[in-house]
Amino acid sequence: MRLKSSIWVAAYLRRCQTEGVFGAVRKRGAEEAGAVFVKLALLDGNAMLYAPAPQTAYDDSRPIERVFAPTSPQPLPEQAVEERLAKEIRFDPDVWIVEIEDRAGRHFLDLARA
């Protein structure tokens, strides 16, 4: 059984904050199972967007994990990331949008799995 999105987001933000990375919920989604998108602002006008990975990226032996994939290999202008987020919200109004800020590009998504 996968953690509720609200619990996962709270734990993820706490992880970021313990590492000195500012993070906040920009949009609350469905409490139980809303998809979570993470915007990493690099504080130079660029950002990375991490989206739920396709089902093929999941390990069948660990079905409860959340896996994220960057939507582009390189940072994009923040405006481009914001346009993508607007499309995602129009497609699914139950999504969560979490924004973190770190010049070094740390996102901790590889550590925040459950």
N, C-alpha and C. Protein backbone atom coordinates (compact mmCIF):
# COMPACT_ATOMS: atom_id res chain seq x y z
N MET A 1 0.84 -1.18 0.00
CA MET A 1 0.00 0.00 0.00
C MET A 1 0.89 1.25 0.00
N ARG A 2 0.58 2.17 -0.88
CA ARG A 2 1.35 3.40 -1.01
C ARG A 2 0.88 4.44 0.00
N LEU A 3 1.83 5.25 0.49
CA LEU A 3 1.47 6.34 1.39
C LEU A 3 0.53 7.33 0.71
N LYS A 4 -0.33 7.94 1.48
CA LYS A 4 -1.15 9.02 0.95
C LYS A 4 -0.24 10.13 0.44
N SER A 5 -0.68 10.79 -0.60
CA SER A 5 0.13 11.87 -1.17
C SER A 5 0.42 12.95 -0.14
N SER A 6 -0.57 13.28 0.68
CA SER A 6 -0.36 14.34 1.67
C SER A 6 0.74 13.97 2.66
N ILE A 7 0.80 12.73 3.07
CA ILE A 7 1.84 12.28 4.02
C ILE A 7 3.20 12.27 3.32
N TRP A 8 3.24 11.78 2.08
CA TRP A 8 4.50 11.75 1.34
C TRP A 8 5.06 13.16 1.16
N VAL A 9 4.21 14.11 0.79
CA VAL A 9 4.65 15.49 0.57
C VAL A 9 5.19 16.08 1.87
N ALA A 10 4.49 15.87 2.97
CA ALA A 10 4.95 16.40 4.26
C ALA A 10 6.32 15.82 4.62
N ALA A 11 6.51 14.53 4.42
CA ALA A 11 7.79 13.90 4.74
C ALA A 11 8.89 14.40 3.80
N TYR A 12 8.56 14.57 2.53
CA TYR A 12 9.54 15.06 1.56
C TYR A 12 9.99 16.48 1.92
N LEU A 13 9.05 17.35 2.25
CA LEU A 13 9.41 18.72 2.63
C LEU A 13 10.25 18.75 3.90
N ARG A 14 9.94 17.88 4.83
CA ARG A 14 10.75 17.81 6.05
C ARG A 14 12.18 17.38 5.71
N ARG A 15 12.32 16.42 4.81
CA ARG A 15 13.66 15.97 4.38
C ARG A 15 14.44 17.14 3.77
N CYS A 16 13.78 17.88 2.89
CA CYS A 16 14.44 19.03 2.27
C CYS A 16 14.86 20.04 3.32
N GLN A 17 13.97 20.34 4.24
CA GLN A 17 14.26 21.35 5.25
C GLN A 17 15.39 20.93 6.19
N THR A 18 15.50 19.63 6.49
CA THR A 18 16.61 19.19 7.35
C THR A 18 17.95 19.35 6.65
N GLU A 19 17.94 19.43 5.32
CA GLU A 19 19.16 19.63 4.54
C GLU A 19 19.39 21.11 4.21
N GLY A 20 18.53 21.99 4.73
CA GLY A 20 18.68 23.42 4.50
C GLY A 20 18.13 23.90 3.17
N VAL A 21 17.26 23.11 2.55
CA VAL A 21 16.66 23.47 1.27
C VAL A 21 15.22 23.92 1.52
N PHE A 22 14.90 25.13 1.07
CA PHE A 22 13.54 25.65 1.24
C PHE A 22 12.60 24.90 0.31
N GLY A 23 11.43 24.56 0.83
CA GLY A 23 10.41 23.91 0.02
C GLY A 23 9.03 24.29 0.51
N ALA A 24 8.07 24.28 -0.39
CA ALA A 24 6.70 24.62 -0.03
C ALA A 24 5.72 23.95 -0.99
N VAL A 25 4.52 23.75 -0.49
CA VAL A 25 3.44 23.23 -1.33
C VAL A 25 2.83 24.43 -2.05
N ARG A 26 2.88 24.41 -3.36
CA ARG A 26 2.25 25.48 -4.14
C ARG A 26 0.81 25.15 -4.47
N LYS A 27 0.50 23.87 -4.60
CA LYS A 27 -0.87 23.46 -4.89
C LYS A 27 -1.12 22.12 -4.21
N ARG A 28 -2.14 22.11 -3.39
CA ARG A 28 -2.55 20.86 -2.74
C ARG A 28 -3.42 20.08 -3.71
N GLY A 29 -3.13 18.82 -3.82
CA GLY A 29 -3.91 17.95 -4.69
C GLY A 29 -4.79 17.02 -3.88
N ALA A 30 -5.17 15.92 -4.50
CA ALA A 30 -6.00 14.93 -3.83
C ALA A 30 -5.21 14.34 -2.66
N GLU A 31 -5.83 14.32 -1.51
CA GLU A 31 -5.23 13.87 -0.26
C GLU A 31 -4.68 12.44 -0.37
N GLU A 32 -5.46 11.57 -0.95
CA GLU A 32 -5.12 10.14 -0.99
C GLU A 32 -4.09 9.78 -2.05
N ALA A 33 -4.35 10.15 -3.29
CA ALA A 33 -3.50 9.62 -4.37
C ALA A 33 -3.24 10.61 -5.48
N GLY A 34 -3.21 11.90 -5.19
CA GLY A 34 -2.91 12.87 -6.23
C GLY A 34 -1.47 12.73 -6.71
N ALA A 35 -1.27 12.89 -8.00
CA ALA A 35 0.09 12.85 -8.55
C ALA A 35 0.88 14.03 -8.00
N VAL A 36 2.18 13.82 -7.78
CA VAL A 36 3.04 14.86 -7.21
C VAL A 36 4.07 15.29 -8.26
N PHE A 37 4.16 16.59 -8.49
CA PHE A 37 5.18 17.18 -9.36
C PHE A 37 6.07 18.04 -8.48
N VAL A 38 7.38 17.96 -8.71
CA VAL A 38 8.33 18.72 -7.92
C VAL A 38 9.09 19.66 -8.85
N LYS A 39 8.97 20.96 -8.57
CA LYS A 39 9.73 21.96 -9.32
C LYS A 39 10.94 22.33 -8.48
N LEU A 40 12.12 22.22 -9.09
CA LEU A 40 13.36 22.59 -8.43
C LEU A 40 13.83 23.90 -9.05
N ALA A 41 13.65 25.01 -8.33
CA ALA A 41 14.11 26.32 -8.80
C ALA A 41 15.59 26.45 -8.46
N LEU A 42 16.38 26.75 -9.48
CA LEU A 42 17.83 26.85 -9.30
C LEU A 42 18.28 28.27 -8.93
N LEU A 43 17.32 29.18 -8.81
CA LEU A 43 17.55 30.55 -8.38
C LEU A 43 18.42 31.36 -9.35
N ASP A 44 18.43 30.94 -10.60
CA ASP A 44 19.14 31.69 -11.64
C ASP A 44 18.23 31.91 -12.85
N GLY A 45 16.93 31.75 -12.64
CA GLY A 45 15.98 31.90 -13.74
C GLY A 45 15.65 30.59 -14.43
N ASN A 46 16.30 29.51 -14.01
CA ASN A 46 16.06 28.19 -14.59
C ASN A 46 15.52 27.25 -13.52
N ALA A 47 14.93 26.15 -13.99
CA ALA A 47 14.35 25.18 -13.07
C ALA A 47 14.32 23.81 -13.73
N MET A 48 14.19 22.82 -12.90
CA MET A 48 13.97 21.44 -13.33
C MET A 48 12.59 21.03 -12.84
N LEU A 49 11.92 20.20 -13.61
CA LEU A 49 10.63 19.67 -13.20
C LEU A 49 10.73 18.17 -13.14
N TYR A 50 10.32 17.61 -12.00
CA TYR A 50 10.30 16.17 -11.80
C TYR A 50 8.85 15.72 -11.72
N ALA A 51 8.53 14.74 -12.57
CA ALA A 51 7.16 14.23 -12.68
C ALA A 51 7.15 12.76 -12.26
N PRO A 52 5.96 12.25 -11.93
CA PRO A 52 5.89 10.82 -11.65
C PRO A 52 6.41 10.03 -12.85
N ALA A 53 7.26 9.06 -12.58
CA ALA A 53 7.85 8.26 -13.66
C ALA A 53 6.79 7.34 -14.26
N PRO A 54 6.98 6.97 -15.51
CA PRO A 54 6.05 6.01 -16.12
C PRO A 54 6.06 4.68 -15.34
N GLN A 55 4.98 3.95 -15.43
CA GLN A 55 4.87 2.69 -14.69
C GLN A 55 6.01 1.73 -15.00
N THR A 56 6.57 1.81 -16.20
CA THR A 56 7.66 0.90 -16.57
C THR A 56 8.92 1.15 -15.75
N ALA A 57 9.02 2.29 -15.10
CA ALA A 57 10.21 2.61 -14.29
C ALA A 57 10.12 2.01 -12.89
N TYR A 58 8.97 1.48 -12.52
CA TYR A 58 8.78 0.96 -11.17
C TYR A 58 9.33 -0.45 -11.06
N ASP A 59 9.84 -0.77 -9.88
CA ASP A 59 10.33 -2.10 -9.57
C ASP A 59 9.15 -2.91 -9.05
N ASP A 60 8.83 -4.01 -9.73
CA ASP A 60 7.68 -4.83 -9.34
C ASP A 60 7.79 -5.38 -7.92
N SER A 61 9.01 -5.52 -7.43
CA SER A 61 9.18 -6.04 -6.08
C SER A 61 8.95 -4.98 -5.01
N ARG A 62 8.87 -3.69 -5.44
CA ARG A 62 8.64 -2.59 -4.50
C ARG A 62 7.56 -1.66 -5.03
N PRO A 63 6.33 -2.13 -5.12
CA PRO A 63 5.27 -1.34 -5.76
C PRO A 63 4.83 -0.10 -5.00
N ILE A 64 5.24 0.06 -3.74
CA ILE A 64 4.78 1.21 -2.97
C ILE A 64 5.63 2.45 -3.20
N GLU A 65 6.81 2.30 -3.79
CA GLU A 65 7.70 3.44 -3.97
C GLU A 65 7.16 4.45 -4.97
N ARG A 66 7.52 5.69 -4.75
CA ARG A 66 7.25 6.74 -5.73
C ARG A 66 8.55 6.98 -6.47
N VAL A 67 8.47 6.99 -7.78
CA VAL A 67 9.64 7.19 -8.61
C VAL A 67 9.39 8.43 -9.46
N PHE A 68 10.41 9.29 -9.56
CA PHE A 68 10.29 10.53 -10.31
C PHE A 68 11.29 10.55 -11.45
N ALA A 69 10.93 11.26 -12.50
CA ALA A 69 11.81 11.42 -13.65
C ALA A 69 11.81 12.89 -14.06
N PRO A 70 12.97 13.41 -14.44
CA PRO A 70 12.99 14.80 -14.92
C PRO A 70 12.26 14.89 -16.26
N THR A 71 11.58 16.00 -16.48
CA THR A 71 10.85 16.17 -17.74
C THR A 71 11.78 16.62 -18.86
N SER A 72 13.01 17.03 -18.52
CA SER A 72 14.01 17.37 -19.53
C SER A 72 15.39 17.07 -18.93
N PRO A 73 16.36 16.79 -19.79
CA PRO A 73 17.68 16.45 -19.27
C PRO A 73 18.45 17.65 -18.70
N GLN A 74 18.09 18.85 -19.14
CA GLN A 74 18.77 20.07 -18.71
C GLN A 74 17.76 21.02 -18.08
N PRO A 75 18.24 21.94 -17.23
CA PRO A 75 17.34 22.96 -16.70
C PRO A 75 16.71 23.77 -17.83
N LEU A 76 15.48 24.20 -17.58
CA LEU A 76 14.72 25.02 -18.54
C LEU A 76 14.45 26.38 -17.92
N PRO A 77 14.14 27.38 -18.74
CA PRO A 77 13.69 28.66 -18.17
C PRO A 77 12.45 28.41 -17.30
N GLU A 78 12.38 29.11 -16.19
CA GLU A 78 11.26 28.90 -15.27
C GLU A 78 9.90 29.06 -15.95
N GLN A 79 9.81 29.97 -16.91
CA GLN A 79 8.54 30.18 -17.61
C GLN A 79 8.09 28.90 -18.32
N ALA A 80 9.02 28.18 -18.93
CA ALA A 80 8.69 26.92 -19.61
C ALA A 80 8.18 25.88 -18.61
N VAL A 81 8.80 25.83 -17.45
CA VAL A 81 8.35 24.89 -16.41
C VAL A 81 6.96 25.27 -15.93
N GLU A 82 6.72 26.58 -15.74
CA GLU A 82 5.40 27.04 -15.30
C GLU A 82 4.32 26.70 -16.33
N GLU A 83 4.64 26.83 -17.61
CA GLU A 83 3.68 26.47 -18.66
C GLU A 83 3.35 24.99 -18.60
N ARG A 84 4.35 24.15 -18.38
CA ARG A 84 4.11 22.72 -18.27
C ARG A 84 3.23 22.40 -17.07
N LEU A 85 3.50 23.07 -15.94
CA LEU A 85 2.68 22.85 -14.74
C LEU A 85 1.23 23.27 -14.98
N ALA A 86 1.03 24.37 -15.68
CA ALA A 86 -0.34 24.81 -15.99
C ALA A 86 -1.06 23.76 -16.83
N LYS A 87 -0.36 23.15 -17.77
CA LYS A 87 -0.97 22.07 -18.58
C LYS A 87 -1.33 20.88 -17.71
N GLU A 88 -0.45 20.52 -16.80
CA GLU A 88 -0.72 19.38 -15.92
C GLU A 88 -1.94 19.64 -15.04
N ILE A 89 -2.08 20.86 -14.55
CA ILE A 89 -3.23 21.21 -13.70
C ILE A 89 -4.51 21.16 -14.52
N ARG A 90 -4.47 21.64 -15.76
CA ARG A 90 -5.67 21.56 -16.61
C ARG A 90 -6.05 20.11 -16.88
N PHE A 91 -5.05 19.25 -17.07
CA PHE A 91 -5.28 17.83 -17.35
C PHE A 91 -5.81 17.11 -16.12
N ASP A 92 -5.23 17.41 -14.95
CA ASP A 92 -5.62 16.74 -13.71
C ASP A 92 -5.60 17.75 -12.56
N PRO A 93 -6.76 18.28 -12.21
CA PRO A 93 -6.80 19.29 -11.14
C PRO A 93 -6.44 18.75 -9.75
N ASP A 94 -6.28 17.43 -9.62
CA ASP A 94 -5.93 16.83 -8.33
C ASP A 94 -4.44 16.69 -8.09
N VAL A 95 -3.59 17.26 -8.96
CA VAL A 95 -2.14 17.13 -8.79
C VAL A 95 -1.64 17.99 -7.64
N TRP A 96 -0.52 17.58 -7.09
CA TRP A 96 0.21 18.35 -6.10
C TRP A 96 1.36 19.03 -6.82
N ILE A 97 1.64 20.28 -6.47
CA ILE A 97 2.81 20.98 -6.97
C ILE A 97 3.64 21.38 -5.75
N VAL A 98 4.85 20.84 -5.70
CA VAL A 98 5.79 21.15 -4.63
C VAL A 98 6.96 21.90 -5.26
N GLU A 99 7.36 23.01 -4.66
CA GLU A 99 8.50 23.75 -5.19
C GLU A 99 9.59 23.81 -4.14
N ILE A 100 10.80 23.51 -4.58
CA ILE A 100 11.96 23.63 -3.71
C ILE A 100 12.96 24.55 -4.41
N GLU A 101 13.84 25.14 -3.61
CA GLU A 101 14.83 26.08 -4.14
C GLU A 101 16.22 25.66 -3.67
N ASP A 102 17.12 25.45 -4.63
CA ASP A 102 18.48 25.10 -4.27
C ASP A 102 19.40 25.40 -5.44
N ARG A 103 20.36 26.28 -5.23
CA ARG A 103 21.31 26.65 -6.29
C ARG A 103 22.13 25.45 -6.75
N ALA A 104 22.40 24.52 -5.84
CA ALA A 104 23.22 23.35 -6.18
C ALA A 104 22.42 22.27 -6.91
N GLY A 105 21.11 22.43 -7.00
CA GLY A 105 20.30 21.46 -7.73
C GLY A 105 19.96 20.20 -6.96
N ARG A 106 20.08 20.25 -5.64
CA ARG A 106 19.74 19.07 -4.82
C ARG A 106 18.22 18.95 -4.73
N HIS A 107 17.72 17.74 -4.91
CA HIS A 107 16.27 17.54 -4.84
C HIS A 107 15.86 16.39 -3.92
N PHE A 108 16.75 15.49 -3.59
CA PHE A 108 16.53 14.40 -2.63
C PHE A 108 15.44 13.43 -3.05
N LEU A 109 15.01 13.46 -4.29
CA LEU A 109 13.96 12.54 -4.72
C LEU A 109 14.44 11.11 -4.78
N ASP A 110 15.72 10.91 -4.93
CA ASP A 110 16.25 9.55 -4.92
C ASP A 110 16.24 8.96 -3.50
N LEU A 111 16.09 9.82 -2.49
CA LEU A 111 16.05 9.37 -1.11
C LEU A 111 14.63 9.28 -0.56
N ALA A 112 13.68 9.93 -1.21
CA ALA A 112 12.31 10.01 -0.71
C ALA A 112 11.43 9.08 -1.52
N ARG A 113 11.46 7.80 -1.22
CA ARG A 113 10.82 6.82 -2.09
C ARG A 113 9.45 6.34 -1.63
N ALA A 114 9.21 6.11 -0.41
CA ALA A 114 7.98 5.41 -0.01
C ALA A 114 6.72 6.11 -0.41
